[in-house]
All heavy atoms as atom14 arrays in JSON, in Angstrom:
{
  "sequence": "GAFRWFSSPGVALSVTLCIYVTHLIYALVLIPLAKHSNDESWLKGR",
  "atom14_mask": [
    [1, 1, 1, 1, 0, 0, 0, 0, 0, 0, 0, 0, 0, 0],
    [1, 1, 1, 1, 1, 0, 0, 0, 0, 0, 0, 0, 0, 0],
    [1, 1, 1, 1, 1, 1, 1, 1, 1, 1, 1, 0, 0, 0],
    [1, 1, 1, 1, 1, 1, 1, 1, 1, 1, 1, 0, 0, 0],
    [1, 1, 1, 1, 1, 1, 1, 1, 1, 1, 1, 1, 1, 1],
    [1, 1, 1, 1, 1, 1, 1, 1, 1, 1, 1, 0, 0, 0],
    [1, 1, 1, 1, 1, 1, 0, 0, 0, 0, 0, 0, 0, 0],
    [1, 1, 1, 1, 1, 1, 0, 0, 0, 0, 0, 0, 0, 0],
    [1, 1, 1, 1, 1, 1, 1, 0, 0, 0, 0, 0, 0, 0],
    [1, 1, 1, 1, 0, 0, 0, 0, 0, 0, 0, 0, 0, 0],
    [1, 1, 1, 1, 1, 1, 1, 0, 0, 0, 0, 0, 0, 0],
    [1, 1, 1, 1, 1, 0, 0, 0, 0, 0, 0, 0, 0, 0],
    [1, 1, 1, 1, 1, 1, 1, 1, 0, 0, 0, 0, 0, 0],
    [1, 1, 1, 1, 1, 1, 0, 0, 0, 0, 0, 0, 0, 0],
    [1, 1, 1, 1, 1, 1, 1, 0, 0, 0, 0, 0, 0, 0],
    [1, 1, 1, 1, 1, 1, 1, 0, 0, 0, 0, 0, 0, 0],
    [1, 1, 1, 1, 1, 1, 1, 1, 0, 0, 0, 0, 0, 0],
    [1, 1, 1, 1, 1, 1, 0, 0, 0, 0, 0, 0, 0, 0],
    [1, 1, 1, 1, 1, 1, 1, 1, 0, 0, 0, 0, 0, 0],
    [1, 1, 1, 1, 1, 1, 1, 1, 1, 1, 1, 1, 0, 0],
    [1, 1, 1, 1, 1, 1, 1, 0, 0, 0, 0, 0, 0, 0],
    [1, 1, 1, 1, 1, 1, 1, 0, 0, 0, 0, 0, 0, 0],
    [1, 1, 1, 1, 1, 1, 1, 1, 1, 1, 0, 0, 0, 0],
    [1, 1, 1, 1, 1, 1, 1, 1, 0, 0, 0, 0, 0, 0],
    [1, 1, 1, 1, 1, 1, 1, 1, 0, 0, 0, 0, 0, 0],
    [1, 1, 1, 1, 1, 1, 1, 1, 1, 1, 1, 1, 0, 0],
    [1, 1, 1, 1, 1, 0, 0, 0, 0, 0, 0, 0, 0, 0],
    [1, 1, 1, 1, 1, 1, 1, 1, 0, 0, 0, 0, 0, 0],
    [1, 1, 1, 1, 1, 1, 1, 0, 0, 0, 0, 0, 0, 0],
    [1, 1, 1, 1, 1, 1, 1, 1, 0, 0, 0, 0, 0, 0],
    [1, 1, 1, 1, 1, 1, 1, 1, 0, 0, 0, 0, 0, 0],
    [1, 1, 1, 1, 1, 1, 1, 0, 0, 0, 0, 0, 0, 0],
    [1, 1, 1, 1, 1, 1, 1, 1, 0, 0, 0, 0, 0, 0],
    [1, 1, 1, 1, 1, 0, 0, 0, 0, 0, 0, 0, 0, 0],
    [1, 1, 1, 1, 1, 1, 1, 1, 1, 0, 0, 0, 0, 0],
    [1, 1, 1, 1, 1, 1, 1, 1, 1, 1, 0, 0, 0, 0],
    [1, 1, 1, 1, 1, 1, 0, 0, 0, 0, 0, 0, 0, 0],
    [1, 1, 1, 1, 1, 1, 1, 1, 0, 0, 0, 0, 0, 0],
    [1, 1, 1, 1, 1, 1, 1, 1, 0, 0, 0, 0, 0, 0],
    [1, 1, 1, 1, 1, 1, 1, 1, 1, 0, 0, 0, 0, 0],
    [1, 1, 1, 1, 1, 1, 0, 0, 0, 0, 0, 0, 0, 0],
    [1, 1, 1, 1, 1, 1, 1, 1, 1, 1, 1, 1, 1, 1],
    [1, 1, 1, 1, 1, 1, 1, 1, 0, 0, 0, 0, 0, 0],
    [1, 1, 1, 1, 1, 1, 1, 1, 1, 0, 0, 0, 0, 0],
    [1, 1, 1, 1, 0, 0, 0, 0, 0, 0, 0, 0, 0, 0],
    [1, 1, 1, 1, 1, 1, 1, 1, 1, 1, 1, 0, 0, 0]
  ],
  "atom14_positions": [
    [[-11.11, 27.45, 2.36], [-11.14, 26.46, 3.46], [-10.89, 25.05, 3.08], [-10.24, 24.31, 3.72], [0.0, 0.0, 0.0], [0.0, 0.0, 0.0], [0.0, 0.0, 0.0], [0.0, 0.0, 0.0], [0.0, 0.0, 0.0], [0.0, 0.0, 0.0], [0.0, 0.0, 0.0], [0.0, 0.0, 0.0], [0.0, 0.0, 0.0], [0.0, 0.0, 0.0]],
    [[-11.49, 24.69, 1.84], [-11.37, 23.28, 1.42], [-9.9, 22.96, 1.16], [-9.38, 21.89, 1.56], [-12.18, 23.15, 0.12], [0.0, 0.0, 0.0], [0.0, 0.0, 0.0], [0.0, 0.0, 0.0], [0.0, 0.0, 0.0], [0.0, 0.0, 0.0], [0.0, 0.0, 0.0], [0.0, 0.0, 0.0], [0.0, 0.0, 0.0], [0.0, 0.0, 0.0]],
    [[-9.19, 23.85, 0.36], [-7.79, 23.58, 0.11], [-6.92, 23.56, 1.39], [-6.12, 22.62, 1.52], [-7.23, 24.63, -0.84], [-5.81, 24.36, -1.25], [-5.48, 23.4, -2.19], [-4.83, 25.03, -0.69], [-4.17, 23.14, -2.54], [-3.4, 24.82, -0.97], [-3.14, 23.85, -1.92], [0.0, 0.0, 0.0], [0.0, 0.0, 0.0], [0.0, 0.0, 0.0]],
    [[-7.21, 24.44, 2.33], [-6.41, 24.44, 3.55], [-6.66, 23.16, 4.29], [-5.75, 22.65, 4.98], [-6.84, 25.65, 4.44], [-6.35, 26.99, 3.84], [-6.28, 28.04, 4.94], [-7.54, 28.15, 5.6], [-8.54, 29.06, 5.28], [-8.36, 29.79, 4.17], [-9.65, 29.1, 5.98], [0.0, 0.0, 0.0], [0.0, 0.0, 0.0], [0.0, 0.0, 0.0]],
    [[-7.9, 22.61, 4.29], [-8.14, 21.34, 5.03], [-7.49, 20.17, 4.34], [-6.85, 19.37, 5.01], [-9.66, 21.08, 5.12], [-9.99, 19.96, 6.0], [-10.06, 19.96, 7.34], [-10.2, 18.6, 5.58], [-10.35, 18.69, 7.8], [-10.48, 17.86, 6.81], [-10.27, 17.96, 4.35], [-10.75, 16.47, 6.72], [-10.51, 16.62, 4.3], [-10.74, 15.83, 5.49]],
    [[-7.64, 20.06, 3.01], [-7.08, 18.92, 2.29], [-5.56, 18.95, 2.36], [-4.94, 17.89, 2.35], [-7.53, 18.91, 0.83], [-8.97, 18.49, 0.67], [-9.9, 19.34, 0.12], [-9.34, 17.22, 0.99], [-11.21, 18.91, -0.05], [-10.64, 16.78, 0.82], [-11.6, 17.61, 0.34], [0.0, 0.0, 0.0], [0.0, 0.0, 0.0], [0.0, 0.0, 0.0]],
    [[-4.94, 20.14, 2.44], [-3.47, 20.19, 2.48], [-2.95, 20.34, 3.89], [-1.77, 20.58, 4.1], [-3.0, 21.4, 1.66], [-3.54, 22.65, 2.13], [0.0, 0.0, 0.0], [0.0, 0.0, 0.0], [0.0, 0.0, 0.0], [0.0, 0.0, 0.0], [0.0, 0.0, 0.0], [0.0, 0.0, 0.0], [0.0, 0.0, 0.0], [0.0, 0.0, 0.0]],
    [[-3.88, 20.2, 4.93], [-3.41, 20.3, 6.3], [-2.47, 19.16, 6.63], [-2.64, 18.07, 6.02], [-4.61, 20.37, 7.22], [-5.36, 19.18, 7.14], [0.0, 0.0, 0.0], [0.0, 0.0, 0.0], [0.0, 0.0, 0.0], [0.0, 0.0, 0.0], [0.0, 0.0, 0.0], [0.0, 0.0, 0.0], [0.0, 0.0, 0.0], [0.0, 0.0, 0.0]],
    [[-1.55, 19.35, 7.51], [-0.54, 18.27, 7.88], [-1.18, 16.97, 8.26], [-0.72, 15.91, 7.75], [0.24, 18.88, 9.05], [0.16, 20.38, 8.85], [-1.27, 20.62, 8.27], [0.0, 0.0, 0.0], [0.0, 0.0, 0.0], [0.0, 0.0, 0.0], [0.0, 0.0, 0.0], [0.0, 0.0, 0.0], [0.0, 0.0, 0.0], [0.0, 0.0, 0.0]],
    [[-2.19, 16.99, 9.08], [-2.84, 15.72, 9.59], [-3.46, 14.93, 8.45], [-3.32, 13.7, 8.32], [0.0, 0.0, 0.0], [0.0, 0.0, 0.0], [0.0, 0.0, 0.0], [0.0, 0.0, 0.0], [0.0, 0.0, 0.0], [0.0, 0.0, 0.0], [0.0, 0.0, 0.0], [0.0, 0.0, 0.0], [0.0, 0.0, 0.0], [0.0, 0.0, 0.0]],
    [[-4.22, 15.62, 7.59], [-4.93, 14.95, 6.54], [-3.9, 14.38, 5.52], [-4.01, 13.3, 5.01], [-5.91, 15.96, 5.84], [-6.57, 15.3, 4.63], [-7.01, 16.34, 6.83], [0.0, 0.0, 0.0], [0.0, 0.0, 0.0], [0.0, 0.0, 0.0], [0.0, 0.0, 0.0], [0.0, 0.0, 0.0], [0.0, 0.0, 0.0], [0.0, 0.0, 0.0]],
    [[-2.97, 15.27, 5.14], [-1.94, 14.85, 4.19], [-1.17, 13.64, 4.63], [-0.88, 12.68, 3.88], [-0.98, 15.99, 3.87], [0.0, 0.0, 0.0], [0.0, 0.0, 0.0], [0.0, 0.0, 0.0], [0.0, 0.0, 0.0], [0.0, 0.0, 0.0], [0.0, 0.0, 0.0], [0.0, 0.0, 0.0], [0.0, 0.0, 0.0], [0.0, 0.0, 0.0]],
    [[-0.82, 13.64, 5.92], [-0.07, 12.46, 6.48], [-0.89, 11.2, 6.5], [-0.42, 10.12, 6.1], [0.37, 12.78, 7.93], [1.12, 11.63, 8.65], [2.38, 11.33, 7.97], [1.26, 11.94, 10.11], [0.0, 0.0, 0.0], [0.0, 0.0, 0.0], [0.0, 0.0, 0.0], [0.0, 0.0, 0.0], [0.0, 0.0, 0.0], [0.0, 0.0, 0.0]],
    [[-2.14, 11.3, 6.83], [-3.06, 10.15, 6.86], [-3.2, 9.51, 5.49], [-3.11, 8.29, 5.37], [-4.47, 10.51, 7.42], [-4.33, 10.96, 8.77], [0.0, 0.0, 0.0], [0.0, 0.0, 0.0], [0.0, 0.0, 0.0], [0.0, 0.0, 0.0], [0.0, 0.0, 0.0], [0.0, 0.0, 0.0], [0.0, 0.0, 0.0], [0.0, 0.0, 0.0]],
    [[-3.38, 10.3, 4.45], [-3.56, 9.77, 3.11], [-2.24, 9.18, 2.66], [-2.26, 8.12, 2.05], [-4.01, 10.93, 2.16], [-3.99, 10.38, 0.71], [-5.38, 11.42, 2.53], [0.0, 0.0, 0.0], [0.0, 0.0, 0.0], [0.0, 0.0, 0.0], [0.0, 0.0, 0.0], [0.0, 0.0, 0.0], [0.0, 0.0, 0.0], [0.0, 0.0, 0.0]],
    [[-1.15, 9.79, 2.97], [0.18, 9.27, 2.58], [0.46, 7.92, 3.21], [0.85, 6.96, 2.54], [1.28, 10.23, 2.98], [1.06, 11.51, 2.29], [2.64, 9.69, 2.51], [0.0, 0.0, 0.0], [0.0, 0.0, 0.0], [0.0, 0.0, 0.0], [0.0, 0.0, 0.0], [0.0, 0.0, 0.0], [0.0, 0.0, 0.0], [0.0, 0.0, 0.0]],
    [[0.18, 7.78, 4.5], [0.35, 6.55, 5.21], [-0.64, 5.46, 4.71], [-0.28, 4.31, 4.54], [0.18, 6.74, 6.71], [1.27, 7.5, 7.38], [0.9, 7.86, 8.82], [2.58, 6.76, 7.38], [0.0, 0.0, 0.0], [0.0, 0.0, 0.0], [0.0, 0.0, 0.0], [0.0, 0.0, 0.0], [0.0, 0.0, 0.0], [0.0, 0.0, 0.0]],
    [[-1.84, 5.85, 4.42], [-2.88, 4.99, 3.95], [-2.48, 4.26, 2.66], [-2.63, 3.04, 2.58], [-4.16, 5.79, 3.71], [-5.56, 4.86, 2.99], [0.0, 0.0, 0.0], [0.0, 0.0, 0.0], [0.0, 0.0, 0.0], [0.0, 0.0, 0.0], [0.0, 0.0, 0.0], [0.0, 0.0, 0.0], [0.0, 0.0, 0.0], [0.0, 0.0, 0.0]],
    [[-1.83, 4.99, 1.74], [-1.5, 4.33, 0.46], [-0.1, 3.7, 0.57], [0.19, 2.69, -0.04], [-1.48, 5.37, -0.66], [-1.36, 4.67, -2.0], [-0.4, 6.45, -0.51], [-2.43, 3.76, -2.37], [0.0, 0.0, 0.0], [0.0, 0.0, 0.0], [0.0, 0.0, 0.0], [0.0, 0.0, 0.0], [0.0, 0.0, 0.0], [0.0, 0.0, 0.0]],
    [[0.76, 4.25, 1.45], [2.14, 3.63, 1.55], [2.11, 2.27, 2.15], [2.9, 1.42, 1.73], [3.04, 4.58, 2.3], [4.51, 4.18, 2.22], [5.07, 3.97, 0.94], [5.3, 3.94, 3.38], [6.42, 3.61, 0.86], [6.6, 3.59, 3.23], [7.18, 3.39, 2.01], [8.48, 2.99, 1.9], [0.0, 0.0, 0.0], [0.0, 0.0, 0.0]],
    [[1.15, 1.98, 3.06], [1.14, 0.68, 3.64], [0.62, -0.36, 2.61], [0.87, -1.55, 2.72], [0.25, 0.61, 4.92], [0.86, 1.47, 6.0], [-1.15, 0.97, 4.65], [0.0, 0.0, 0.0], [0.0, 0.0, 0.0], [0.0, 0.0, 0.0], [0.0, 0.0, 0.0], [0.0, 0.0, 0.0], [0.0, 0.0, 0.0], [0.0, 0.0, 0.0]],
    [[-0.08, 0.16, 1.6], [-0.49, -0.73, 0.5], [0.75, -1.31, -0.18], [0.84, -2.49, -0.45], [-1.32, 0.07, -0.59], [-2.5, 0.47, 0.03], [-1.64, -0.81, -1.77], [0.0, 0.0, 0.0], [0.0, 0.0, 0.0], [0.0, 0.0, 0.0], [0.0, 0.0, 0.0], [0.0, 0.0, 0.0], [0.0, 0.0, 0.0], [0.0, 0.0, 0.0]],
    [[1.71, -0.44, -0.39], [3.01, -0.87, -0.98], [3.77, -1.83, -0.07], [4.24, -2.9, -0.48], [3.87, 0.32, -1.35], [5.29, -0.06, -1.57], [5.7, -0.77, -2.71], [6.39, 0.14, -0.83], [6.97, -0.96, -2.64], [7.48, -0.42, -1.54], [0.0, 0.0, 0.0], [0.0, 0.0, 0.0], [0.0, 0.0, 0.0], [0.0, 0.0, 0.0]],
    [[3.82, -1.47, 1.17], [4.62, -2.22, 2.14], [4.05, -3.67, 2.29], [4.75, -4.62, 2.32], [4.67, -1.55, 3.52], [5.5, -0.23, 3.51], [5.45, 0.41, 4.93], [6.91, -0.49, 3.07], [0.0, 0.0, 0.0], [0.0, 0.0, 0.0], [0.0, 0.0, 0.0], [0.0, 0.0, 0.0], [0.0, 0.0, 0.0], [0.0, 0.0, 0.0]],
    [[2.72, -3.75, 2.5], [2.09, -5.08, 2.69], [2.24, -5.93, 1.5], [2.57, -7.1, 1.52], [0.59, -4.88, 3.05], [0.41, -4.21, 4.44], [-0.13, -6.24, 2.96], [0.87, -5.08, 5.63], [0.0, 0.0, 0.0], [0.0, 0.0, 0.0], [0.0, 0.0, 0.0], [0.0, 0.0, 0.0], [0.0, 0.0, 0.0], [0.0, 0.0, 0.0]],
    [[2.08, -5.29, 0.27], [2.24, -6.06, -0.93], [3.63, -6.52, -1.19], [3.85, -7.71, -1.43], [1.82, -5.16, -2.12], [1.81, -5.86, -3.47], [0.78, -6.69, -3.87], [2.87, -5.66, -4.41], [0.81, -7.32, -5.04], [2.89, -6.25, -5.58], [1.84, -7.08, -5.93], [1.84, -7.71, -7.22], [0.0, 0.0, 0.0], [0.0, 0.0, 0.0]],
    [[4.61, -5.68, -0.98], [5.97, -6.01, -1.28], [6.62, -6.91, -0.21], [7.43, -7.82, -0.51], [6.85, -4.74, -1.42], [0.0, 0.0, 0.0], [0.0, 0.0, 0.0], [0.0, 0.0, 0.0], [0.0, 0.0, 0.0], [0.0, 0.0, 0.0], [0.0, 0.0, 0.0], [0.0, 0.0, 0.0], [0.0, 0.0, 0.0], [0.0, 0.0, 0.0]],
    [[6.34, -6.66, 1.1], [6.93, -7.32, 2.18], [6.16, -8.55, 2.72], [6.75, -9.34, 3.48], [7.23, -6.34, 3.29], [8.09, -5.11, 2.93], [8.34, -4.23, 4.15], [9.42, -5.55, 2.31], [0.0, 0.0, 0.0], [0.0, 0.0, 0.0], [0.0, 0.0, 0.0], [0.0, 0.0, 0.0], [0.0, 0.0, 0.0], [0.0, 0.0, 0.0]],
    [[4.87, -8.62, 2.44], [4.07, -9.65, 3.02], [3.45, -10.54, 1.88], [3.68, -11.8, 1.86], [2.93, -9.15, 3.92], [2.12, -10.28, 4.47], [3.56, -8.31, 5.1], [0.0, 0.0, 0.0], [0.0, 0.0, 0.0], [0.0, 0.0, 0.0], [0.0, 0.0, 0.0], [0.0, 0.0, 0.0], [0.0, 0.0, 0.0], [0.0, 0.0, 0.0]],
    [[2.7, -9.98, 1.04], [1.93, -10.77, 0.05], [2.81, -11.45, -1.0], [2.58, -12.61, -1.29], [0.87, -9.87, -0.62], [-0.24, -9.34, 0.3], [-1.19, -8.44, -0.48], [-0.95, -10.48, 1.07], [0.0, 0.0, 0.0], [0.0, 0.0, 0.0], [0.0, 0.0, 0.0], [0.0, 0.0, 0.0], [0.0, 0.0, 0.0], [0.0, 0.0, 0.0]],
    [[3.77, -10.73, -1.56], [4.66, -11.3, -2.52], [5.5, -12.51, -1.91], [5.47, -13.63, -2.44], [5.59, -10.32, -3.14], [4.82, -9.31, -4.04], [6.76, -10.94, -3.89], [4.34, -9.91, -5.3], [0.0, 0.0, 0.0], [0.0, 0.0, 0.0], [0.0, 0.0, 0.0], [0.0, 0.0, 0.0], [0.0, 0.0, 0.0], [0.0, 0.0, 0.0]],
    [[6.09, -12.3, -0.74], [6.79, -13.42, -0.1], [5.89, -14.61, 0.23], [6.3, -15.75, 0.05], [7.38, -12.81, 1.18], [7.59, -11.36, 0.85], [6.38, -10.98, 0.02], [0.0, 0.0, 0.0], [0.0, 0.0, 0.0], [0.0, 0.0, 0.0], [0.0, 0.0, 0.0], [0.0, 0.0, 0.0], [0.0, 0.0, 0.0], [0.0, 0.0, 0.0]],
    [[4.62, -14.34, 0.68], [3.73, -15.41, 0.98], [3.41, -16.24, -0.29], [3.33, -17.49, -0.28], [2.42, -14.89, 1.58], [2.5, -14.51, 3.08], [1.15, -13.88, 3.5], [2.77, -15.74, 3.94], [0.0, 0.0, 0.0], [0.0, 0.0, 0.0], [0.0, 0.0, 0.0], [0.0, 0.0, 0.0], [0.0, 0.0, 0.0], [0.0, 0.0, 0.0]],
    [[3.15, -15.51, -1.41], [2.81, -16.16, -2.64], [4.01, -17.01, -3.18], [3.86, -18.11, -3.69], [2.46, -15.15, -3.71], [0.0, 0.0, 0.0], [0.0, 0.0, 0.0], [0.0, 0.0, 0.0], [0.0, 0.0, 0.0], [0.0, 0.0, 0.0], [0.0, 0.0, 0.0], [0.0, 0.0, 0.0], [0.0, 0.0, 0.0], [0.0, 0.0, 0.0]],
    [[5.25, -16.5, -2.98], [6.42, -17.23, -3.43], [6.58, -18.47, -2.53], [6.98, -19.52, -3.05], [7.64, -16.32, -3.34], [7.73, -15.31, -4.4], [9.02, -14.42, -4.29], [9.07, -13.43, -5.37], [10.32, -12.55, -5.28], [0.0, 0.0, 0.0], [0.0, 0.0, 0.0], [0.0, 0.0, 0.0], [0.0, 0.0, 0.0], [0.0, 0.0, 0.0]],
    [[6.32, -18.27, -1.27], [6.53, -19.4, -0.33], [5.56, -20.54, -0.66], [5.89, -21.76, -0.54], [6.33, -19.01, 1.1], [6.47, -20.06, 2.1], [7.66, -20.57, 2.44], [5.48, -20.71, 2.92], [7.51, -21.5, 3.4], [6.18, -21.61, 3.67], [0.0, 0.0, 0.0], [0.0, 0.0, 0.0], [0.0, 0.0, 0.0], [0.0, 0.0, 0.0]],
    [[4.36, -20.19, -1.07], [3.3, -21.23, -1.4], [3.32, -21.61, -2.86], [2.46, -22.39, -3.29], [1.93, -20.71, -0.98], [1.63, -19.54, -1.71], [0.0, 0.0, 0.0], [0.0, 0.0, 0.0], [0.0, 0.0, 0.0], [0.0, 0.0, 0.0], [0.0, 0.0, 0.0], [0.0, 0.0, 0.0], [0.0, 0.0, 0.0], [0.0, 0.0, 0.0]],
    [[4.25, -21.01, -3.62], [4.37, -21.3, -5.11], [3.03, -21.04, -5.82], [2.57, -21.8, -6.63], [4.77, -22.79, -5.3], [6.22, -23.03, -4.79], [7.08, -22.22, -5.09], [6.4, -24.11, -4.14], [0.0, 0.0, 0.0], [0.0, 0.0, 0.0], [0.0, 0.0, 0.0], [0.0, 0.0, 0.0], [0.0, 0.0, 0.0], [0.0, 0.0, 0.0]],
    [[2.43, -19.94, -5.46], [1.1, -19.59, -6.05], [1.37, -18.91, -7.37], [1.33, -17.63, -7.43], [0.32, -18.69, -5.06], [-1.1, -18.49, -5.55], [-1.41, -18.83, -6.68], [-1.92, -17.95, -4.77], [0.0, 0.0, 0.0], [0.0, 0.0, 0.0], [0.0, 0.0, 0.0], [0.0, 0.0, 0.0], [0.0, 0.0, 0.0], [0.0, 0.0, 0.0]],
    [[1.62, -19.62, -8.42], [1.92, -19.03, -9.69], [0.74, -18.26, -10.29], [0.99, -17.31, -10.98], [2.37, -20.16, -10.66], [3.76, -20.75, -10.35], [4.86, -19.76, -10.38], [4.83, -18.8, -11.22], [5.78, -19.83, -9.57], [0.0, 0.0, 0.0], [0.0, 0.0, 0.0], [0.0, 0.0, 0.0], [0.0, 0.0, 0.0], [0.0, 0.0, 0.0]],
    [[-0.46, -18.71, -10.05], [-1.56, -17.99, -10.6], [-1.69, -16.56, -10.03], [-2.18, -15.69, -10.7], [-2.91, -18.73, -10.27], [-3.11, -18.83, -8.89], [0.0, 0.0, 0.0], [0.0, 0.0, 0.0], [0.0, 0.0, 0.0], [0.0, 0.0, 0.0], [0.0, 0.0, 0.0], [0.0, 0.0, 0.0], [0.0, 0.0, 0.0], [0.0, 0.0, 0.0]],
    [[-1.23, -16.37, -8.81], [-1.23, -15.08, -8.18], [-0.01, -14.27, -8.57], [-0.09, -13.06, -8.84], [-1.27, -15.27, -6.66], [-1.58, -13.98, -5.89], [-2.84, -13.58, -5.52], [-0.69, -12.98, -5.43], [-2.75, -12.4, -4.84], [-1.47, -11.98, -4.8], [0.71, -12.83, -5.49], [-0.86, -10.87, -4.2], [1.28, -11.7, -4.92], [0.47, -10.73, -4.33]],
    [[1.09, -14.96, -8.77], [2.37, -14.24, -9.04], [2.49, -13.78, -10.49], [3.19, -12.81, -10.79], [3.54, -15.16, -8.7], [3.81, -15.42, -7.21], [4.9, -16.53, -7.08], [4.3, -14.12, -6.51], [0.0, 0.0, 0.0], [0.0, 0.0, 0.0], [0.0, 0.0, 0.0], [0.0, 0.0, 0.0], [0.0, 0.0, 0.0], [0.0, 0.0, 0.0]],
    [[1.82, -14.47, -11.4], [2.07, -14.16, -12.76], [1.62, -12.79, -13.17], [2.14, -12.24, -14.19], [1.33, -15.22, -13.68], [-0.17, -15.19, -13.61], [-0.78, -16.24, -14.49], [-2.31, -16.22, -14.48], [-2.9, -17.27, -15.36], [0.0, 0.0, 0.0], [0.0, 0.0, 0.0], [0.0, 0.0, 0.0], [0.0, 0.0, 0.0], [0.0, 0.0, 0.0]],
    [[0.7, -12.22, -12.44], [0.24, -10.91, -12.79], [0.86, -9.75, -12.08], [0.5, -8.56, -12.18], [0.0, 0.0, 0.0], [0.0, 0.0, 0.0], [0.0, 0.0, 0.0], [0.0, 0.0, 0.0], [0.0, 0.0, 0.0], [0.0, 0.0, 0.0], [0.0, 0.0, 0.0], [0.0, 0.0, 0.0], [0.0, 0.0, 0.0], [0.0, 0.0, 0.0]],
    [[1.91, -10.01, -11.28], [2.43, -8.99, -10.39], [3.19, -7.87, -11.17], [3.43, -6.84, -10.65], [3.34, -9.62, -9.33], [4.63, -10.22, -9.81], [5.38, -10.91, -8.63], [6.65, -11.41, -8.93], [6.9, -12.58, -9.52], [5.88, -13.39, -9.89], [8.14, -13.02, -9.73], [0.0, 0.0, 0.0], [0.0, 0.0, 0.0], [0.0, 0.0, 0.0]]
  ]
}
């Protein structure tokens, strides 16, 4: 039952979306904001 639940379509989709928006927000929002504000202390570790 545990494997069937963890691999169920709804759970798998939720986890995938949960982590993929981490990439999208970082790449499309946070990086451009840091560049716009010339935040070198934030950008140097990217």
